[in-house]
Amino acid sequence: MIIHHSPLPSVDIPVVPITDYVLRRTSVHPDRAALIDGTSGRTYSFAELSDAIHRLAGGLAARGFGPGKTLALMAPNVPEYAIVFHAVAVAGGTVTTINPTYGAHEVAFQLKDAGASEIVTIGMFVDVARAAIEGTPISEIITIDGADGTTPLSAVTAEPLQQVAIDPMDHVVVLPYSSGTTGLPKGVMLTHHNLVANICQCDHAIVYEPDGEVALAFLPFFHIYGMQVLMNGLLANGVTVVTLPRFDLEQALGLVQQHRITRLFAVPPVVLALAKHPMVEQYDLSSLTQVFSGAAPLGAEIALEAAGRIGCEVVQGYGMTELSPVSHTTPPGMFKPGTSGVTVSNTESRIVDPDTGEDQPVDGRGELWVRGPQVMKGYLNNLDATAATIDADGWLHTGDVAVIDADGHMTIVDRVKELIKFKGFQVPPAELEALLVTHPSVIDVAVIGVPDDEAGELPKAFIVPAPGTSPSAEELQAFVAEHVATYKQIRLVEFVESIPKSASGKILRRMLRDQG
């Protein structure tokens, strides 16, 4: 067995509820802004945030909500998201975070599967929520903005409630749902300890200045990246969080300039915009000290181009919902273009050949396996899926193909199940996408395998041309052919207006396959 250990120092992980850890420094900087609504300027100091959380927890408890109960939270990034999330945690319940762009059928599935007894949303999504709760135990809709015909969140508050006694090691505090790339979405059971552990594990990897930094949070809080790295991780480190309900480049750049943002957490399409979009030149981004990309592989060339343009380091990390989410990231001074960084503290990695089950040496290619305190408790009501993902020795099989080099840096090559099989050869879409997006006439791209009787699958590229350009299929195919082996060459090209992506920035390949 070849185990890759973290090169970073081990950390002590306290056995405490997540809210206690997130609010751990409130007494040190009670008046510092904790959350600022980017669109309205509405602000909560750390002291006000703590008070609002515990008052809402008291109100929930007065309604009979507590251990064994689940609340569904379906909202965009607003300061009150953190208040609801942590009020549920303090009351001893579980929160299931729902993508607010879901349709009623998708919401209903999650409500029923998670066993939710309460739902909190905003006025914009009330109609969907009302349709979704039919046939569930939920009879009342609570809204953050007090929409007509609903119960205002402000009406639920009561006398402050202190943390209800729970076992942080075992108690499931949040149930985000996986992206459902195989079968129906699955509820990922994350404990208080999972969340606390992963914030601690990033102490030597994402290092914040103690006198207070400011970060922009447009990555959705319902997704594990936004929930943990941004909402919980930032607050736990005393960072002021400026929330934005959805990503808009112009608005985001304006907020960076206005609030002197120091940290920008992004996904590859946003980094691509920072590298190429002409609007970037119109704003002062000199306050930025780091751009951190995650959720999907980021090509080395684009990272370097963006870094050179905006004048700060652009790094990336790796994680997944089932890992709370971070297992690899880039510590200060350890940037290596194209990699997702090193294994975080208190974590072990393996690279295993998916066909033979044999561990691969340095620079060997195989499925990434991870073991550590951030590994989920399991999938809700799905023992088979849990057993297929976490083996008897506690190794979580990520489903991602990776390489770990001699410096301990990990690079994602592709998904095990997304590899294109061309005449028996494995073709990784991410490699071709990273190459194509460096072409000056390409602003975005996705590559999939299209069934073919002779070859098995043909690599097909969906291309979004850069504004003012009109590249030909032949031109782009020739460009790829200059850089890769014959079997990796693009056989088909289709020009499209946009690439379908999830809220976390992952390419929705299934949608592309469905359209051919």
Protein backbone atom coordinates (compact mmCIF):
# COMPACT_ATOMS: atom_id res chain seq x y z
CA MET A 1 0.00 0.00 0.00
CA ILE A 2 1.39 3.40 -1.01
CA ILE A 3 0.02 6.17 1.21
CA HIS A 4 0.71 9.84 0.50
CA HIS A 5 0.72 11.73 3.80
CA SER A 6 0.19 15.46 4.18
CA PRO A 7 3.40 17.52 4.13
CA LEU A 8 1.65 20.04 6.38
CA PRO A 9 1.74 19.96 10.20
CA SER A 10 -0.99 18.02 11.98
CA VAL A 11 -3.67 20.08 13.70
CA ASP A 12 -5.62 19.60 16.90
CA ILE A 13 -9.34 19.21 16.19
CA PRO A 14 -11.61 20.14 19.09
CA VAL A 15 -14.71 18.02 19.67
CA VAL A 16 -17.23 20.87 19.70
CA PRO A 17 -20.43 21.83 17.85
CA ILE A 18 -19.87 23.66 14.58
CA THR A 19 -21.49 26.91 15.73
CA ASP A 20 -19.29 27.11 18.82
CA TYR A 21 -16.28 26.85 16.54
CA VAL A 22 -17.52 29.31 13.93
CA LEU A 23 -18.26 31.90 16.63
CA ARG A 24 -15.13 31.13 18.66
CA ARG A 25 -13.57 34.58 18.25
CA THR A 26 -16.70 36.70 18.63
CA SER A 27 -15.61 38.06 22.03
CA VAL A 28 -12.28 39.14 20.51
CA HIS A 29 -13.85 41.23 17.73
CA PRO A 30 -17.57 41.64 18.60
CA ASP A 31 -18.01 44.81 16.55
CA ARG A 32 -16.23 43.63 13.42
CA ALA A 33 -18.57 43.15 10.44
CA ALA A 34 -19.27 39.45 10.02
CA LEU A 35 -21.74 39.52 7.12
CA ILE A 36 -22.53 42.28 4.65
CA ASP A 37 -25.26 41.94 2.03
CA GLY A 38 -23.53 43.00 -1.16
CA THR A 39 -26.70 44.31 -2.80
CA SER A 40 -28.18 46.32 0.08
CA GLY A 41 -25.31 46.89 2.49
CA ARG A 42 -27.25 45.25 5.35
CA THR A 43 -24.65 44.30 7.96
CA TYR A 44 -24.34 42.02 11.00
CA SER A 45 -21.41 42.37 13.38
CA PHE A 46 -20.06 39.19 14.93
CA ALA A 47 -21.90 40.02 18.16
CA GLU A 48 -25.14 40.67 16.28
CA LEU A 49 -24.70 37.45 14.30
CA SER A 50 -24.27 35.41 17.48
CA ASP A 51 -27.32 37.00 19.08
CA ALA A 52 -29.49 36.46 15.97
CA ILE A 53 -28.45 32.80 15.75
CA HIS A 54 -29.28 32.02 19.36
CA ARG A 55 -32.57 33.93 19.29
CA LEU A 56 -33.72 32.05 16.20
CA ALA A 57 -32.61 28.79 17.82
CA GLY A 58 -34.81 29.67 20.77
CA GLY A 59 -37.74 30.33 18.45
CA LEU A 60 -37.26 27.03 16.62
CA ALA A 61 -37.08 25.16 19.91
CA ALA A 62 -40.30 26.84 21.05
CA ARG A 63 -41.97 25.41 17.94
CA GLY A 64 -40.85 21.91 18.90
CA PHE A 65 -37.88 21.79 16.58
CA GLY A 66 -34.78 20.03 17.85
CA PRO A 67 -32.82 16.77 17.76
CA GLY A 68 -34.24 14.33 15.23
CA LYS A 69 -35.84 17.11 13.17
CA THR A 70 -34.69 18.45 9.79
CA LEU A 71 -35.19 21.95 8.36
CA ALA A 72 -34.91 22.62 4.63
CA LEU A 73 -33.13 25.84 3.70
CA MET A 74 -33.71 27.05 0.13
CA ALA A 75 -32.26 30.52 -0.35
CA PRO A 76 -29.59 32.47 -2.20
CA ASN A 77 -26.53 33.90 -0.47
CA VAL A 78 -27.81 36.45 2.03
CA PRO A 79 -26.55 37.10 5.58
CA GLU A 80 -29.59 35.36 7.07
CA TYR A 81 -28.51 32.09 5.45
CA ALA A 82 -25.81 31.73 8.09
CA ILE A 83 -28.26 32.67 10.83
CA VAL A 84 -30.76 29.96 9.84
CA PHE A 85 -28.03 27.36 9.29
CA HIS A 86 -26.49 27.87 12.71
CA ALA A 87 -29.77 28.33 14.55
CA VAL A 88 -30.69 24.82 13.40
CA ALA A 89 -27.31 23.55 14.61
CA VAL A 90 -27.69 25.24 18.02
CA ALA A 91 -31.21 23.80 18.40
CA GLY A 92 -29.79 20.31 17.85
CA GLY A 93 -31.47 19.75 14.49
CA THR A 94 -30.27 19.03 10.97
CA VAL A 95 -30.41 21.40 8.00
CA THR A 96 -30.75 20.15 4.45
CA THR A 97 -29.59 22.77 1.97
CA ILE A 98 -31.59 22.96 -1.26
CA ASN A 99 -30.56 24.46 -4.58
CA PRO A 100 -32.99 27.39 -5.01
CA THR A 101 -33.00 26.95 -8.77
CA TYR A 102 -34.57 23.51 -8.44
CA GLY A 103 -38.05 22.87 -9.77
CA ALA A 104 -40.85 21.74 -7.46
CA HIS A 105 -40.35 18.06 -8.31
CA GLU A 106 -36.65 18.18 -7.38
CA VAL A 107 -37.36 20.08 -4.17
CA ALA A 108 -40.12 17.63 -3.22
CA PHE A 109 -37.75 14.69 -3.67
CA GLN A 110 -35.20 16.22 -1.30
CA LEU A 111 -37.81 17.25 1.27
CA LYS A 112 -39.18 13.73 1.41
CA ASP A 113 -35.84 11.96 1.30
CA ALA A 114 -34.39 14.17 4.05
CA GLY A 115 -37.54 13.95 6.15
CA ALA A 116 -37.82 17.74 6.47
CA SER A 117 -40.48 19.14 8.83
CA GLU A 118 -39.79 22.86 8.20
CA ILE A 119 -38.78 24.94 5.20
CA VAL A 120 -37.19 28.40 5.08
CA THR A 121 -36.92 30.28 1.79
CA ILE A 122 -37.46 33.75 0.26
CA GLY A 123 -40.42 35.25 -1.56
CA MET A 124 -38.96 34.55 -5.01
CA PHE A 125 -39.20 30.80 -4.41
CA VAL A 126 -42.46 30.58 -2.49
CA ASP A 127 -44.47 29.21 -5.42
CA VAL A 128 -41.98 26.39 -5.93
CA ALA A 129 -41.88 25.70 -2.20
CA ARG A 130 -45.67 25.64 -1.98
CA ALA A 131 -45.91 23.09 -4.78
CA ALA A 132 -43.05 21.03 -3.33
CA ILE A 133 -44.48 20.65 0.20
CA GLU A 134 -47.62 18.93 -1.04
CA GLY A 135 -47.61 15.42 0.33
CA THR A 136 -45.01 16.25 3.00
CA PRO A 137 -45.45 17.01 6.73
CA ILE A 138 -44.65 20.67 6.02
CA SER A 139 -47.69 22.93 6.19
CA GLU A 140 -46.06 26.32 6.72
CA ILE A 141 -43.52 28.27 4.70
CA ILE A 142 -41.12 30.55 6.57
CA THR A 143 -39.49 33.33 4.54
CA ILE A 144 -36.41 35.38 5.30
CA ASP A 145 -37.96 38.43 3.64
CA GLY A 146 -41.47 38.00 5.08
CA ALA A 147 -43.26 37.40 1.78
CA ASP A 148 -47.05 37.68 1.69
CA GLY A 149 -48.88 34.56 2.82
CA THR A 150 -45.87 33.17 4.68
CA THR A 151 -44.46 33.30 8.20
CA PRO A 152 -41.69 35.93 8.48
CA LEU A 153 -38.44 34.58 9.89
CA SER A 154 -38.45 37.51 12.31
CA ALA A 155 -41.63 36.12 13.88
CA VAL A 156 -39.89 32.87 14.83
CA THR A 157 -37.31 34.39 17.17
CA ALA A 158 -37.54 34.03 20.96
CA GLU A 159 -35.34 34.14 24.03
CA PRO A 160 -31.78 33.05 23.20
CA LEU A 161 -31.13 29.32 23.36
CA GLN A 162 -27.70 27.95 24.11
CA GLN A 163 -26.37 24.89 22.29
CA VAL A 164 -28.55 21.82 22.79
CA ALA A 165 -26.47 18.87 23.96
CA ILE A 166 -25.40 16.69 21.03
CA ASP A 167 -22.50 14.36 20.26
CA PRO A 168 -20.39 16.32 17.72
CA MET A 169 -18.72 13.12 16.52
CA ASP A 170 -21.98 11.45 15.55
CA HIS A 171 -24.70 14.09 15.16
CA VAL A 172 -25.56 14.93 11.55
CA VAL A 173 -25.80 18.71 11.34
CA VAL A 174 -26.18 19.13 7.58
CA LEU A 175 -27.53 17.10 4.68
CA PRO A 176 -26.36 18.58 1.38
CA TYR A 177 -27.24 16.46 -1.64
CA SER A 178 -24.66 15.15 -4.08
CA SER A 179 -24.83 16.20 -7.72
CA GLY A 180 -26.39 12.89 -8.72
CA THR A 181 -23.97 12.00 -11.52
CA THR A 182 -24.97 8.39 -10.93
CA GLY A 183 -28.60 7.75 -10.10
CA LEU A 184 -30.74 9.99 -7.94
CA PRO A 185 -29.17 12.66 -5.70
CA LYS A 186 -28.02 11.30 -2.36
CA GLY A 187 -28.13 12.99 1.04
CA VAL A 188 -24.58 13.36 2.36
CA MET A 189 -24.53 13.01 6.15
CA LEU A 190 -22.00 15.43 7.61
CA THR A 191 -21.49 15.69 11.35
CA HIS A 192 -20.51 18.67 13.46
CA HIS A 193 -17.07 17.07 13.75
CA ASN A 194 -16.74 16.66 9.97
CA LEU A 195 -17.29 20.40 9.51
CA VAL A 196 -15.09 21.52 12.41
CA ALA A 197 -12.33 19.12 11.37
CA ASN A 198 -12.19 20.38 7.80
CA ILE A 199 -11.97 24.03 8.85
CA CYS A 200 -9.10 23.11 11.18
CA GLN A 201 -7.42 21.03 8.47
CA CYS A 202 -7.13 24.14 6.30
CA ASP A 203 -5.29 26.15 8.99
CA HIS A 204 -1.91 25.66 7.29
CA ALA A 205 -3.29 25.80 3.77
CA ILE A 206 -5.61 28.80 3.65
CA VAL A 207 -3.95 31.26 6.01
CA TYR A 208 -5.82 34.45 6.94
CA GLU A 209 -4.43 37.64 8.46
CA PRO A 210 -5.57 37.99 12.09
CA ASP A 211 -6.51 41.66 11.87
CA GLY A 212 -9.42 40.88 9.59
CA GLU A 213 -9.76 40.24 5.89
CA VAL A 214 -12.73 40.70 3.56
CA ALA A 215 -13.99 38.01 1.18
CA LEU A 216 -16.64 37.99 -1.53
CA ALA A 217 -19.10 35.10 -1.35
CA PHE A 218 -21.08 34.45 -4.52
CA LEU A 219 -20.50 30.69 -4.62
CA PRO A 220 -23.78 29.25 -3.31
CA PHE A 221 -24.00 28.47 0.39
CA PHE A 222 -26.25 25.49 -0.37
CA HIS A 223 -23.23 23.84 -2.01
CA ILE A 224 -20.48 22.44 0.21
CA TYR A 225 -17.78 24.74 -1.23
CA GLY A 226 -19.74 27.88 -0.42
CA MET A 227 -21.09 26.46 2.84
CA GLN A 228 -17.78 25.38 4.34
CA VAL A 229 -14.86 27.16 2.71
CA LEU A 230 -16.72 30.45 2.52
CA MET A 231 -19.56 30.79 5.04
CA ASN A 232 -18.21 28.68 7.92
CA GLY A 233 -14.50 28.78 7.20
CA LEU A 234 -14.35 32.54 6.71
CA LEU A 235 -16.44 33.40 9.76
CA ALA A 236 -14.44 31.00 11.94
CA ASN A 237 -11.31 32.92 10.96
CA GLY A 238 -12.77 36.36 11.65
CA VAL A 239 -13.13 37.29 7.98
CA THR A 240 -15.85 39.72 6.90
CA VAL A 241 -18.08 38.00 4.33
CA VAL A 242 -19.73 40.09 1.60
CA THR A 243 -22.59 38.05 0.16
CA LEU A 244 -23.87 38.13 -3.40
CA PRO A 245 -27.04 36.17 -4.36
CA ARG A 246 -25.67 35.10 -7.74
CA PHE A 247 -22.56 35.72 -9.77
CA ASP A 248 -22.58 38.78 -11.99
CA LEU A 249 -19.14 39.83 -13.22
CA GLU A 250 -19.76 43.56 -13.21
CA GLN A 251 -21.36 43.49 -9.76
CA ALA A 252 -18.63 41.24 -8.37
CA LEU A 253 -15.85 43.45 -9.68
CA GLY A 254 -17.60 46.50 -8.25
CA LEU A 255 -17.83 44.88 -4.81
CA VAL A 256 -14.15 43.93 -4.88
CA GLN A 257 -13.33 47.57 -5.53
CA GLN A 258 -15.85 48.97 -3.05
CA HIS A 259 -15.10 46.71 -0.08
CA ARG A 260 -11.40 46.21 -0.79
CA ILE A 261 -11.90 42.46 -1.02
CA THR A 262 -8.76 40.48 -0.15
CA ARG A 263 -9.98 36.95 -0.95
CA LEU A 264 -11.95 35.83 -3.95
CA PHE A 265 -13.20 32.26 -4.08
CA ALA A 266 -14.15 31.17 -7.55
CA VAL A 267 -14.73 28.37 -10.04
CA PRO A 268 -12.88 27.98 -13.39
CA PRO A 269 -15.39 29.97 -15.49
CA VAL A 270 -14.89 32.97 -13.18
CA VAL A 271 -11.10 32.66 -13.39
CA LEU A 272 -11.48 32.50 -17.17
CA ALA A 273 -13.40 35.78 -17.06
CA LEU A 274 -10.69 37.37 -14.90
CA ALA A 275 -8.13 36.29 -17.48
CA LYS A 276 -9.95 37.32 -20.64
CA HIS A 277 -12.94 39.64 -20.12
CA PRO A 278 -12.31 43.30 -21.11
CA MET A 279 -14.48 44.56 -18.22
CA VAL A 280 -11.81 43.55 -15.70
CA GLU A 281 -9.62 46.48 -16.79
CA GLN A 282 -12.25 48.97 -15.58
CA TYR A 283 -11.94 48.08 -11.87
CA ASP A 284 -9.35 48.44 -9.13
CA LEU A 285 -8.60 44.91 -7.94
CA SER A 286 -5.36 45.77 -6.17
CA SER A 287 -6.74 44.72 -2.77
CA LEU A 288 -6.87 41.06 -3.82
CA THR A 289 -4.20 38.90 -2.22
CA GLN A 290 -5.42 35.57 -3.59
CA VAL A 291 -7.96 34.02 -5.93
CA PHE A 292 -8.83 30.46 -4.97
CA SER A 293 -10.48 28.17 -7.53
CA GLY A 294 -12.25 24.90 -6.86
CA ALA A 295 -15.13 22.59 -7.89
CA ALA A 296 -13.56 21.69 -11.26
CA PRO A 297 -10.04 21.43 -12.70
CA LEU A 298 -8.39 24.74 -13.64
CA GLY A 299 -5.89 24.75 -16.49
CA ALA A 300 -2.40 26.00 -15.61
CA GLU A 301 -2.30 28.49 -18.49
CA ILE A 302 -5.55 30.19 -17.49
CA ALA A 303 -4.45 30.37 -13.83
CA LEU A 304 -1.18 32.04 -14.80
CA GLU A 305 -2.88 34.39 -17.27
CA ALA A 306 -5.42 35.51 -14.66
CA ALA A 307 -2.71 35.91 -12.01
CA GLY A 308 -0.61 38.05 -14.30
CA ARG A 309 -3.54 40.22 -15.25
CA ILE A 310 -4.94 40.96 -11.78
CA GLY A 311 -1.64 40.92 -9.92
CA CYS A 312 -2.19 38.20 -7.32
CA GLU A 313 -1.74 34.48 -6.95
CA VAL A 314 -4.43 32.27 -8.49
CA VAL A 315 -4.39 28.82 -6.92
CA GLN A 316 -6.73 25.87 -6.74
CA GLY A 317 -7.83 23.14 -4.39
CA TYR A 318 -9.79 19.93 -4.56
CA GLY A 319 -12.67 18.55 -2.60
CA MET A 320 -16.12 17.02 -2.75
CA THR A 321 -19.30 17.11 -0.72
CA GLU A 322 -18.44 13.76 0.85
CA LEU A 323 -15.17 15.26 2.16
CA SER A 324 -16.69 18.30 3.92
CA PRO A 325 -15.18 19.29 1.33
CA VAL A 326 -11.38 19.89 1.23
CA SER A 327 -8.75 17.17 0.88
CA HIS A 328 -6.12 19.02 -1.17
CA THR A 329 -5.22 22.66 -1.53
CA THR A 330 -2.34 25.07 -2.19
CA PRO A 331 -0.65 26.58 0.89
CA PRO A 332 1.11 29.95 0.72
CA GLY A 333 4.38 29.71 -1.18
CA MET A 334 3.61 26.25 -2.57
CA PHE A 335 1.82 27.22 -5.78
CA LYS A 336 2.49 24.81 -8.63
CA PRO A 337 0.62 25.58 -11.88
CA GLY A 338 -1.98 23.05 -12.89
CA THR A 339 -2.09 21.13 -9.63
CA SER A 340 -4.75 21.14 -6.91
CA GLY A 341 -2.11 21.46 -4.22
CA VAL A 342 -1.06 19.07 -1.49
CA THR A 343 -2.94 16.80 0.89
CA VAL A 344 -4.29 18.85 3.81
CA SER A 345 -3.41 18.22 7.45
CA ASN A 346 -4.56 15.01 9.16
CA THR A 347 -5.36 13.43 5.79
CA GLU A 348 -4.01 10.50 3.78
CA SER A 349 -4.25 9.93 0.02
CA ARG A 350 -3.80 6.95 -2.26
CA ILE A 351 -3.74 6.62 -6.06
CA VAL A 352 -5.30 3.28 -7.02
CA ASP A 353 -5.65 1.68 -10.46
CA PRO A 354 -9.45 1.29 -10.88
CA ASP A 355 -9.01 -1.88 -12.93
CA THR A 356 -6.40 -3.77 -10.87
CA GLY A 357 -6.89 -2.25 -7.42
CA GLU A 358 -3.12 -1.73 -7.14
CA ASP A 359 -1.59 1.38 -5.60
CA GLN A 360 0.29 3.58 -8.04
CA PRO A 361 3.71 5.11 -7.33
CA VAL A 362 4.67 8.77 -7.65
CA ASP A 363 3.42 10.15 -10.98
CA GLY A 364 1.25 7.06 -11.47
CA ARG A 365 -2.32 7.58 -12.67
CA GLY A 366 -5.32 6.12 -10.85
CA GLU A 367 -8.41 6.84 -8.76
CA LEU A 368 -7.86 9.17 -5.81
CA TRP A 369 -8.73 7.65 -2.43
CA VAL A 370 -8.87 9.80 0.70
CA ARG A 371 -8.99 9.03 4.42
CA GLY A 372 -9.36 11.51 7.26
CA PRO A 373 -11.75 13.09 9.79
CA GLN A 374 -13.51 15.03 7.03
CA VAL A 375 -14.92 11.87 5.40
CA MET A 376 -18.73 11.84 5.61
CA LYS A 377 -20.67 9.62 7.96
CA GLY A 378 -22.38 8.12 4.90
CA TYR A 379 -25.29 8.58 2.51
CA LEU A 380 -28.71 8.99 4.10
CA ASN A 381 -30.88 5.87 3.84
CA ASN A 382 -28.46 4.33 1.34
CA LEU A 383 -26.17 1.70 2.84
CA ASP A 384 -25.28 0.24 -0.56
CA ALA A 385 -24.10 3.58 -1.96
CA THR A 386 -22.17 4.26 1.25
CA ALA A 387 -20.42 0.89 1.07
CA ALA A 388 -19.57 1.48 -2.59
CA THR A 389 -17.95 4.82 -1.73
CA ILE A 390 -16.24 4.21 1.64
CA ASP A 391 -14.46 0.89 2.06
CA ALA A 392 -14.01 -1.12 5.24
CA ASP A 393 -10.72 0.65 6.02
CA GLY A 394 -12.27 4.11 5.83
CA TRP A 395 -10.93 5.09 2.41
CA LEU A 396 -13.33 7.24 0.41
CA HIS A 397 -13.17 6.41 -3.31
CA THR A 398 -13.56 9.78 -5.01
CA GLY A 399 -14.25 8.61 -8.57
CA ASP A 400 -11.65 11.11 -9.79
CA VAL A 401 -8.55 10.08 -11.72
CA ALA A 402 -5.46 11.81 -10.31
CA VAL A 403 -1.68 11.91 -10.17
CA ILE A 404 0.50 12.80 -7.16
CA ASP A 405 3.98 14.01 -8.11
CA ALA A 406 7.31 13.88 -6.29
CA ASP A 407 6.54 17.17 -4.52
CA GLY A 408 3.28 15.79 -3.12
CA HIS A 409 1.13 17.92 -5.43
CA MET A 410 -2.05 16.31 -6.72
CA THR A 411 -3.47 16.89 -10.19
CA ILE A 412 -6.93 15.76 -11.25
CA VAL A 413 -6.85 14.15 -14.66
CA ASP A 414 -10.54 13.33 -14.95
CA ARG A 415 -13.54 11.50 -13.58
CA VAL A 416 -13.34 7.70 -13.74
CA LYS A 417 -16.72 7.57 -15.45
CA GLU A 418 -16.11 10.57 -17.71
CA LEU A 419 -13.10 9.11 -19.47
CA ILE A 420 -13.72 8.77 -23.21
CA LYS A 421 -12.78 5.36 -24.62
CA PHE A 422 -11.43 5.82 -28.18
CA LYS A 423 -10.34 2.54 -29.80
CA GLY A 424 -9.36 1.20 -26.40
CA PHE A 425 -7.44 4.32 -25.37
CA GLN A 426 -8.57 6.49 -22.45
CA VAL A 427 -9.11 10.14 -23.40
CA PRO A 428 -9.55 12.60 -20.48
CA PRO A 429 -11.97 15.43 -21.37
CA ALA A 430 -10.45 17.83 -18.81
CA GLU A 431 -7.08 17.70 -20.56
CA LEU A 432 -8.59 18.66 -23.90
CA GLU A 433 -10.74 21.38 -22.31
CA ALA A 434 -7.71 22.93 -20.60
CA LEU A 435 -5.90 22.95 -23.94
CA LEU A 436 -8.74 24.33 -26.08
CA VAL A 437 -9.53 27.19 -23.72
CA THR A 438 -5.99 28.55 -24.30
CA HIS A 439 -6.89 29.23 -27.95
CA PRO A 440 -7.57 32.97 -28.36
CA SER A 441 -10.88 32.30 -30.17
CA VAL A 442 -12.27 30.06 -27.41
CA ILE A 443 -13.89 31.46 -24.27
CA ASP A 444 -15.37 28.23 -22.91
CA VAL A 445 -15.45 24.55 -23.86
CA ALA A 446 -16.69 21.12 -22.83
CA VAL A 447 -15.64 17.76 -24.25
CA ILE A 448 -17.67 14.54 -24.14
CA GLY A 449 -17.58 11.12 -25.75
CA VAL A 450 -20.10 10.43 -28.51
CA PRO A 451 -20.92 6.77 -29.24
CA ASP A 452 -19.38 5.40 -32.45
CA ASP A 453 -19.66 1.89 -33.84
CA GLU A 454 -16.05 1.71 -34.95
CA ALA A 455 -14.15 3.66 -32.30
CA GLY A 456 -16.40 3.10 -29.31
CA GLU A 457 -16.55 6.83 -28.57
CA LEU A 458 -15.47 9.93 -30.46
CA PRO A 459 -14.20 13.00 -28.56
CA LYS A 460 -16.56 15.89 -29.31
CA ALA A 461 -15.94 19.50 -28.31
CA PHE A 462 -18.69 22.02 -27.59
CA ILE A 463 -17.12 25.43 -28.17
CA VAL A 464 -18.19 28.90 -27.04
CA PRO A 465 -16.34 31.31 -29.38
CA ALA A 466 -14.80 34.44 -27.91
CA PRO A 467 -16.68 37.66 -28.78
CA GLY A 468 -15.79 38.97 -32.21
CA THR A 469 -14.25 35.71 -33.40
CA SER A 470 -15.49 32.97 -35.71
CA PRO A 471 -13.12 30.03 -35.52
CA SER A 472 -13.69 27.04 -37.78
CA ALA A 473 -13.92 23.47 -36.59
CA GLU A 474 -10.91 22.60 -38.72
CA GLU A 475 -8.82 25.36 -37.17
CA LEU A 476 -9.51 24.16 -33.63
CA GLN A 477 -9.01 20.50 -34.51
CA ALA A 478 -5.62 21.36 -36.04
CA PHE A 479 -4.72 23.33 -32.89
CA VAL A 480 -5.45 20.32 -30.68
CA ALA A 481 -3.62 17.97 -33.04
CA GLU A 482 -0.43 19.99 -32.56
CA HIS A 483 -0.40 19.27 -28.83
CA VAL A 484 -1.78 15.79 -28.15
CA ALA A 485 -1.46 12.18 -29.22
CA THR A 486 -3.49 11.04 -32.21
CA TYR A 487 -6.03 9.14 -30.14
CA LYS A 488 -6.83 12.28 -28.09
CA GLN A 489 -7.66 14.46 -31.07
CA ILE A 490 -11.05 16.15 -31.35
CA ARG A 491 -13.18 14.34 -33.94
CA LEU A 492 -16.34 16.48 -33.76
CA VAL A 493 -16.95 20.16 -33.03
CA GLU A 494 -20.16 22.03 -32.27
CA PHE A 495 -20.36 25.76 -31.60
CA VAL A 496 -22.74 26.78 -28.80
CA GLU A 497 -23.69 29.95 -26.92
CA SER A 498 -22.93 28.55 -23.48
CA ILE A 499 -21.80 25.43 -21.65
CA PRO A 500 -24.35 24.01 -19.16
CA LYS A 501 -22.89 24.03 -15.65
CA SER A 502 -24.07 23.36 -12.12
CA ALA A 503 -24.11 26.14 -9.53
CA SER A 504 -20.73 24.89 -8.32
CA GLY A 505 -19.20 25.31 -11.78
CA LYS A 506 -19.09 21.68 -12.86
CA ILE A 507 -19.86 20.92 -16.49
CA LEU A 508 -23.21 19.12 -16.84
CA ARG A 509 -21.97 16.53 -19.31
CA ARG A 510 -25.19 14.57 -19.15
CA MET A 511 -27.06 17.51 -20.70
CA LEU A 512 -24.50 17.68 -23.49
CA ARG A 513 -24.77 13.95 -24.11
CA ASP A 514 -28.53 14.25 -24.31
CA GLN A 515 -28.27 16.87 -27.06
CA GLY A 516 -25.66 14.82 -28.92
